C-alpha atoms as a PDB file:
ATOM      1  CA  MET A   1      92.320 102.027 124.879  1.00  0.00           C
ATOM      2  CA  LEU A   2      91.742 102.022 121.150  1.00  0.00           C
ATOM      3  CA  PRO A   3      94.768 101.400 118.934  1.00  0.00           C
ATOM      4  CA  VAL A   4      96.461 104.304 117.174  1.00  0.00           C
ATOM      5  CA  TYR A   5      97.867 103.463 113.764  1.00  0.00           C
ATOM      6  CA  SER A   6     100.851 105.096 112.020  1.00  0.00           C
ATOM      7  CA  VAL A   7     100.614 108.405 113.803  1.00  0.00           C
ATOM      8  CA  THR A   8     103.739 110.486 113.343  1.00  0.00           C
ATOM      9  CA  HIS A   9     105.010 112.741 116.095  1.00  0.00           C
ATOM     10  CA  ALA A  10     104.976 115.824 113.900  1.00  0.00           C
ATOM     11  CA  PRO A  11     102.686 118.782 113.287  1.00  0.00           C
ATOM     12  CA  GLY A  12     100.121 118.270 110.555  1.00  0.00           C
ATOM     13  CA  LEU A  13      96.492 117.707 109.790  1.00  0.00           C
ATOM     14  CA  TYR A  14      95.161 114.404 111.060  1.00  0.00           C
ATOM     15  CA  ARG A  15      91.843 112.660 110.658  1.00  0.00           C
ATOM     16  CA  VAL A  16      89.810 110.678 113.132  1.00  0.00           C
ATOM     17  CA  LEU A  17      87.696 107.878 111.697  1.00  0.00           C
ATOM     18  CA  ASN A  18      84.559 106.695 113.398  1.00  0.00           C
ATOM     19  CA  PRO A  19      84.385 103.046 112.290  1.00  0.00           C
ATOM     20  CA  HIS A  20      80.702 102.715 113.180  1.00  0.00           C
ATOM     21  CA  GLN A  21      79.676 105.501 110.847  1.00  0.00           C
ATOM     22  CA  GLY A  22      82.155 104.440 108.195  1.00  0.00           C
ATOM     23  CA  ARG A  23      83.336 107.965 107.488  1.00  0.00           C
ATOM     24  CA  TRP A  24      85.721 110.596 108.736  1.00  0.00           C
ATOM     25  CA  ALA A  25      84.033 112.010 111.811  1.00  0.00           C
ATOM     26  CA  THR A  26      86.522 114.605 113.009  1.00  0.00           C
ATOM     27  CA  ARG A  27      89.692 116.396 112.030  1.00  0.00           C
ATOM     28  CA  TYR A  28      92.509 116.664 114.494  1.00  0.00           C
ATOM     29  CA  HIS A  29      95.469 119.040 114.257  1.00  0.00           C
ATOM     30  CA  GLY A  30      98.813 117.423 114.858  1.00  0.00           C
ATOM     31  CA  PHE A  31     100.896 117.236 117.967  1.00  0.00           C
ATOM     32  CA  GLU A  32     104.535 117.217 118.983  1.00  0.00           C
ATOM     33  CA  GLN A  33     104.554 114.201 121.273  1.00  0.00           C
ATOM     34  CA  GLY A  34     102.242 111.668 122.797  1.00  0.00           C
ATOM     35  CA  GLU A  35      98.880 110.431 121.579  1.00  0.00           C
ATOM     36  CA  PRO A  36      95.844 112.481 120.559  1.00  0.00           C
ATOM     37  CA  VAL A  37      93.121 112.931 123.146  1.00  0.00           C
ATOM     38  CA  PHE A  38      89.603 111.967 122.071  1.00  0.00           C
ATOM     39  CA  ALA A  39      86.576 113.884 123.266  1.00  0.00           C
ATOM     40  CA  GLY A  40      84.307 111.871 125.510  1.00  0.00           C
ATOM     41  CA  ALA A  41      83.821 108.195 124.705  1.00  0.00           C
ATOM     42  CA  GLN A  42      84.216 108.593 120.953  1.00  0.00           C
ATOM     43  CA  GLU A  43      85.457 105.416 119.302  1.00  0.00           C
ATOM     44  CA  ALA A  44      88.064 106.316 116.739  1.00  0.00           C
ATOM     45  CA  TYR A  45      91.197 105.353 114.914  1.00  0.00           C
ATOM     46  CA  VAL A  46      93.765 107.920 113.904  1.00  0.00           C
ATOM     47  CA  TYR A  47      95.603 107.691 110.598  1.00  0.00           C
ATOM     48  CA  SER A  48      98.483 110.044 109.899  1.00  0.00           C
ATOM     49  CA  GLY A  49      99.209 112.196 106.870  1.00  0.00           C
ATOM     50  CA  ASN A  50     101.723 115.031 106.658  1.00  0.00           C
ATOM     51  CA  ASN A  51     100.253 116.540 103.505  1.00  0.00           C
ATOM     52  CA  PRO A  52      97.264 118.763 104.418  1.00  0.00           C
ATOM     53  CA  ALA A  53      95.861 118.600 100.893  1.00  0.00           C
ATOM     54  CA  MET A  54      95.981 114.824 100.967  1.00  0.00           C
ATOM     55  CA  CYS A  55      94.300 114.736 104.343  1.00  0.00           C
ATOM     56  CA  ALA A  56      91.542 117.044 103.129  1.00  0.00           C
ATOM     57  CA  ASP A  57      90.443 114.580 100.468  1.00  0.00           C
ATOM     58  CA  PRO A  58      86.683 115.247 100.135  1.00  0.00           C
ATOM     59  CA  SER A  59      85.962 111.624  99.242  1.00  0.00           C
ATOM     60  CA  GLY A  60      86.011 110.700 102.905  1.00  0.00           C
ATOM     61  CA  GLN A  61      88.189 107.657 102.232  1.00  0.00           C
ATOM     62  CA  PRO A  62      91.576 106.936 103.819  1.00  0.00           C
ATOM     63  CA  THR A  63      94.550 107.871 101.694  1.00  0.00           C
ATOM     64  CA  ALA A  64      97.302 105.335 101.035  1.00  0.00           C
ATOM     65  CA  ALA A  65      99.477 106.484 103.918  1.00  0.00           C
ATOM     66  CA  GLU A  66      96.476 106.419 106.233  1.00  0.00           C
ATOM     67  CA  ALA A  67      95.444 102.950 105.155  1.00  0.00           C
ATOM     68  CA  GLU A  68      98.984 101.649 105.700  1.00  0.00           C
ATOM     69  CA  PHE A  69      99.652 100.460 102.167  1.00  0.00           C
ATOM     70  CA  VAL A  70     102.229  97.728 101.695  1.00  0.00           C
ATOM     71  CA  GLN A  71     104.253  96.866  98.614  1.00  0.00           C
ATOM     72  CA  LEU A  72     103.793  93.652  96.691  1.00  0.00           C
ATOM     73  CA  PRO A  73     106.884  91.469  97.296  1.00  0.00           C
ATOM     74  CA  PRO A  74     108.997  90.734  94.219  1.00  0.00           C
ATOM     75  CA  GLY A  75     107.817  87.466  92.731  1.00  0.00           C
ATOM     76  CA  THR A  76     110.170  84.502  92.857  1.00  0.00           C
ATOM     77  CA  PHE A  77     109.829  81.144  91.123  1.00  0.00           C
ATOM     78  CA  ARG A  78     107.748  79.552  93.862  1.00  0.00           C
ATOM     79  CA  ASP A  79     105.539  82.637  94.279  1.00  0.00           C
ATOM     80  CA  GLY A  80     103.790  81.898  90.994  1.00  0.00           C
ATOM     81  CA  TYR A  81     103.711  85.493  89.773  1.00  0.00           C
ATOM     82  CA  TYR A  82     105.935  88.158  88.243  1.00  0.00           C
ATOM     83  CA  SER A  83     105.642  91.942  88.031  1.00  0.00           C
ATOM     84  CA  TYR A  84     105.410  93.789  84.739  1.00  0.00           C
ATOM     85  CA  SER A  85     104.848  97.285  86.178  1.00  0.00           C
ATOM     86  CA  PRO A  86     107.279  99.575  88.003  1.00  0.00           C
ATOM     87  CA  ARG A  87     107.683  98.765  91.681  1.00  0.00           C
ATOM     88  CA  SER A  88     106.523 102.311  92.461  1.00  0.00           C
ATOM     89  CA  SER A  89     103.065 101.365  91.124  1.00  0.00           C
ATOM     90  CA  GLN A  90     102.671  98.166  93.148  1.00  0.00           C
ATOM     91  CA  TRP A  91     101.355  99.293  96.511  1.00  0.00           C
ATOM     92  CA  GLY A  92      98.034  98.298  98.041  1.00  0.00           C
ATOM     93  CA  THR A  93      96.169  97.312 101.160  1.00  0.00           C
ATOM     94  CA  GLN A  94      97.387  94.285 103.060  1.00  0.00           C
ATOM     95  CA  ALA A  95      94.229  92.494 101.930  1.00  0.00           C
ATOM     96  CA  LEU A  96      95.088  93.038  98.249  1.00  0.00           C
ATOM     97  CA  VAL A  97      98.711  91.969  98.676  1.00  0.00           C
ATOM     98  CA  SER A  98      97.576  88.861 100.563  1.00  0.00           C
ATOM     99  CA  CYS A  99      95.068  88.165  97.788  1.00  0.00           C
ATOM    100  CA  LEU A 100      97.825  88.253  95.185  1.00  0.00           C
ATOM    101  CA  THR A 101     100.401  86.227  97.103  1.00  0.00           C
ATOM    102  CA  THR A 102      97.813  83.579  98.003  1.00  0.00           C
ATOM    103  CA  THR A 103      96.595  83.394  94.403  1.00  0.00           C
ATOM    104  CA  GLY A 104     100.200  83.087  93.246  1.00  0.00           C
ATOM    105  CA  ALA A 105     100.832  80.212  95.645  1.00  0.00           C
ATOM    106  CA  LEU A 106      97.695  78.424  94.449  1.00  0.00           C
ATOM    107  CA  TRP A 107      98.754  79.004  90.840  1.00  0.00           C
ATOM    108  CA  PHE A 108     102.190  77.557  91.498  1.00  0.00           C
ATOM    109  CA  ARG A 109     100.708  74.374  92.904  1.00  0.00           C
ATOM    110  CA  ALA A 110      97.962  74.044  90.290  1.00  0.00           C
ATOM    111  CA  VAL A 111      99.949  74.856  87.164  1.00  0.00           C
ATOM    112  CA  ILE A 112     103.690  75.112  87.626  1.00  0.00           C
ATOM    113  CA  ALA A 113     104.324  72.324  90.125  1.00  0.00           C
ATOM    114  CA  SER A 114     101.612  69.995  88.844  1.00  0.00           C
ATOM    115  CA  HIS A 115     101.993  70.412  85.096  1.00  0.00           C
ATOM    116  CA  ARG A 116     105.615  71.548  84.992  1.00  0.00           C
ATOM    117  CA  ASN A 117     104.638  74.502  82.807  1.00  0.00           C
ATOM    118  CA  ARG A 118     106.544  77.630  83.660  1.00  0.00           C
ATOM    119  CA  VAL A 119     103.770  80.088  82.975  1.00  0.00           C
ATOM    120  CA  PHE A 120     103.407  82.711  85.694  1.00  0.00           C
ATOM    121  CA  VAL A 121     100.712  85.236  86.581  1.00  0.00           C
ATOM    122  CA  GLY A 122     101.632  88.748  85.443  1.00  0.00           C
ATOM    123  CA  VAL A 123     100.860  91.443  88.027  1.00  0.00           C
ATOM    124  CA  GLY A 124     100.640  95.029  86.776  1.00  0.00           C
ATOM    125  CA  ASP A 125      99.596  98.349  88.240  1.00  0.00           C
ATOM    126  CA  MET A 126      98.126  98.595  91.725  1.00  0.00           C
ATOM    127  CA  SER A 127      98.345 101.982  93.507  1.00  0.00           C
ATOM    128  CA  LEU A 128     101.082 104.448  94.386  1.00  0.00           C
ATOM    129  CA  LYS A 129     102.798 104.386  97.770  1.00  0.00           C
ATOM    130  CA  GLU A 130     101.290 107.657  98.984  1.00  0.00           C
ATOM    131  CA  GLY A 131      97.880 107.072  97.445  1.00  0.00           C
ATOM    132  CA  GLY A 132      96.351 107.803  94.101  1.00  0.00           C
ATOM    133  CA  ALA A 133      96.479 106.074  90.772  1.00  0.00           C
ATOM    134  CA  PRO A 134      99.516 105.345  88.605  1.00  0.00           C
ATOM    135  CA  PRO A 135      99.650 107.287  85.322  1.00  0.00           C
ATOM    136  CA  GLY A 136      97.030 106.229  82.799  1.00  0.00           C
ATOM    137  CA  HIS A 137      94.409 105.088  85.316  1.00  0.00           C
ATOM    138  CA  VAL A 138      91.089 106.514  86.423  1.00  0.00           C
ATOM    139  CA  SER A 139      90.702 104.128  89.356  1.00  0.00           C
ATOM    140  CA  HIS A 140      93.505 102.350  91.289  1.00  0.00           C
ATOM    141  CA  LYS A 141      93.323 105.044  94.003  1.00  0.00           C
ATOM    142  CA  THR A 142      92.365 103.071  97.102  1.00  0.00           C
ATOM    143  CA  GLY A 143      94.825 100.180  97.130  1.00  0.00           C
ATOM    144  CA  LYS A 144      92.119  97.659  96.234  1.00  0.00           C
ATOM    145  CA  ASP A 145      92.663  97.456  92.452  1.00  0.00           C
ATOM    146  CA  VAL A 146      95.184  95.498  90.409  1.00  0.00           C
ATOM    147  CA  ASP A 147      95.695  94.679  86.738  1.00  0.00           C
ATOM    148  CA  LEU A 148      96.613  91.106  85.790  1.00  0.00           C
ATOM    149  CA  ARG A 149      97.615  89.739  82.412  1.00  0.00           C
ATOM    150  CA  PRO A 150      95.491  87.037  80.808  1.00  0.00           C
ATOM    151  CA  LEU A 151      97.349  83.776  80.263  1.00  0.00           C
ATOM    152  CA  ARG A 152      98.868  82.417  77.080  1.00  0.00           C
ATOM    153  CA  CYS A 153      98.419  78.993  75.484  1.00  0.00           C
ATOM    154  CA  ASP A 154     102.093  78.768  74.469  1.00  0.00           C
ATOM    155  CA  TYR A 155     102.950  78.525  78.192  1.00  0.00           C
ATOM    156  CA  ARG A 156     105.108  81.625  78.067  1.00  0.00           C
ATOM    157  CA  SER A 157     104.808  84.472  80.535  1.00  0.00           C
ATOM    158  CA  GLY A 158     104.129  87.727  78.755  1.00  0.00           C
ATOM    159  CA  PRO A 159     101.493  90.025  77.257  1.00  0.00           C
ATOM    160  CA  THR A 160      98.564  88.860  75.179  1.00  0.00           C
ATOM    161  CA  ASP A 161      94.952  89.834  74.536  1.00  0.00           C
ATOM    162  CA  ILE A 162      91.748  88.046  73.717  1.00  0.00           C
ATOM    163  CA  ASP A 163      92.251  88.500  69.955  1.00  0.00           C
ATOM    164  CA  LYS A 164      95.683  86.883  69.882  1.00  0.00           C
ATOM    165  CA  LYS A 165      96.218  83.264  68.879  1.00  0.00           C
ATOM    166  CA  ASN A 166      98.398  82.717  71.941  1.00  0.00           C
ATOM    167  CA  TYR A 167      95.586  83.710  74.356  1.00  0.00           C
ATOM    168  CA  SER A 168      94.430  80.872  76.622  1.00  0.00           C
ATOM    169  CA  ARG A 169      90.843  81.086  77.788  1.00  0.00           C
ATOM    170  CA  GLU A 170      91.282  77.892  79.795  1.00  0.00           C
ATOM    171  CA  LEU A 171      94.208  79.163  81.847  1.00  0.00           C
ATOM    172  CA  THR A 172      92.647  82.595  82.244  1.00  0.00           C
ATOM    173  CA  GLN A 173      89.485  80.944  83.563  1.00  0.00           C
ATOM    174  CA  LEU A 174      91.622  79.032  86.049  1.00  0.00           C
ATOM    175  CA  LEU A 175      93.166  82.318  87.216  1.00  0.00           C
ATOM    176  CA  VAL A 176      89.706  83.820  87.759  1.00  0.00           C
ATOM    177  CA  ASN A 177      88.636  80.740  89.713  1.00  0.00           C
ATOM    178  CA  LEU A 178      91.689  80.942  91.964  1.00  0.00           C
ATOM    179  CA  LEU A 179      91.187  84.657  92.533  1.00  0.00           C
ATOM    180  CA  ARG A 180      87.634  84.027  93.660  1.00  0.00           C
ATOM    181  CA  THR A 181      88.854  81.255  95.955  1.00  0.00           C
ATOM    182  CA  ALA A 182      91.658  83.273  97.545  1.00  0.00           C
ATOM    183  CA  CYS A 183      90.184  86.782  97.682  1.00  0.00           C
ATOM    184  CA  SER A 184      87.116  88.743  98.656  1.00  0.00           C
ATOM    185  CA  ILE A 185      86.350  89.895  95.123  1.00  0.00           C
ATOM    186  CA  LYS A 186      84.149  92.887  94.379  1.00  0.00           C
ATOM    187  CA  MET A 187      84.520  92.681  90.595  1.00  0.00           C
ATOM    188  CA  ILE A 188      86.739  91.442  87.796  1.00  0.00           C
ATOM    189  CA  LEU A 189      86.559  93.369  84.527  1.00  0.00           C
ATOM    190  CA  PHE A 190      87.613  91.461  81.408  1.00  0.00           C
ATOM    191  CA  ASP A 191      86.296  91.514  77.856  1.00  0.00           C
ATOM    192  CA  ASP A 192      86.171  87.774  77.141  1.00  0.00           C
ATOM    193  CA  THR A 193      82.464  87.097  77.631  1.00  0.00           C
ATOM    194  CA  GLU A 194      83.110  83.344  77.626  1.00  0.00           C
ATOM    195  CA  VAL A 195      85.078  83.531  80.882  1.00  0.00           C
ATOM    196  CA  VAL A 196      82.820  82.864  83.869  1.00  0.00           C
ATOM    197  CA  GLY A 197      83.068  85.234  86.813  1.00  0.00           C
ATOM    198  CA  VAL A 198      83.992  88.435  84.973  1.00  0.00           C
ATOM    199  CA  THR A 199      82.004  91.435  83.784  1.00  0.00           C
ATOM    200  CA  GLN A 200      82.497  94.013  81.047  1.00  0.00           C
ATOM    201  CA  ASP A 201      82.638  97.792  81.184  1.00  0.00           C
ATOM    202  CA  LYS A 202      81.636  99.366  77.879  1.00  0.00           C
ATOM    203  CA  ARG A 203      83.408 102.608  78.791  1.00  0.00           C
ATOM    204  CA  TYR A 204      86.879 101.091  79.063  1.00  0.00           C
ATOM    205  CA  PRO A 205      88.456  98.167  77.177  1.00  0.00           C
ATOM    206  CA  HIS A 206      89.894  95.245  79.151  1.00  0.00           C
ATOM    207  CA  ARG A 207      91.119  93.039  76.312  1.00  0.00           C
ATOM    208  CA  ASN A 208      94.744  92.682  77.411  1.00  0.00           C
ATOM    209  CA  HIS A 209      94.312  92.691  81.181  1.00  0.00           C
ATOM    210  CA  LEU A 210      91.922  91.746  83.952  1.00  0.00           C
ATOM    211  CA  HIS A 211      91.028  94.579  86.291  1.00  0.00           C
ATOM    212  CA  VAL A 212      90.524  93.044  89.723  1.00  0.00           C
ATOM    213  CA  ARG A 213      89.008  94.937  92.652  1.00  0.00           C
ATOM    214  CA  ILE A 214      88.610  93.464  96.119  1.00  0.00           C
ATOM    215  CA  LYS A 215      85.980  94.461  98.684  1.00  0.00           C
END
């Protein structure tokens, strides 16, 4: 019996995902009780969504509700990170949240605990709870993107950019290294060409934040 994830017992439009084909294979109309019945030996997972428009997303990708987004926990001292975006914009896949919490723990040990410098990693926009991007973003729709602040050389937690005197390339490079250790990184966009492990996107500036996307 294949597992059924977050299926609500309510009428609505549901999707069936064939994991071998990597796309939505079937659409299934909702039910009052019980589990959906699959035709034949089809291997499938069911993800729920009560909004028909959301479920009809032509991209063929799971929406936030279907992918079971989780919210980034509020950062505490020992977590090594703090949030600078509204909590409503800090939802993502479990893999992204784990990436951030693991990176924060590594940062705490490498910087805060070891050097006694209270500089924390700033975590910004991720995705919205029900899917889609927070205002002002083109991407951030799939729960795999997050914006992080570059680090400062005055050991204060706060905004900076690569043109500011308080920008620390050394600490920002350390953050990139830890991200690549803790996470399955697809890309990191950042405009400091001297930082190893990042790329640039000429269409959009990334001078005051790193845009991180996991696989």
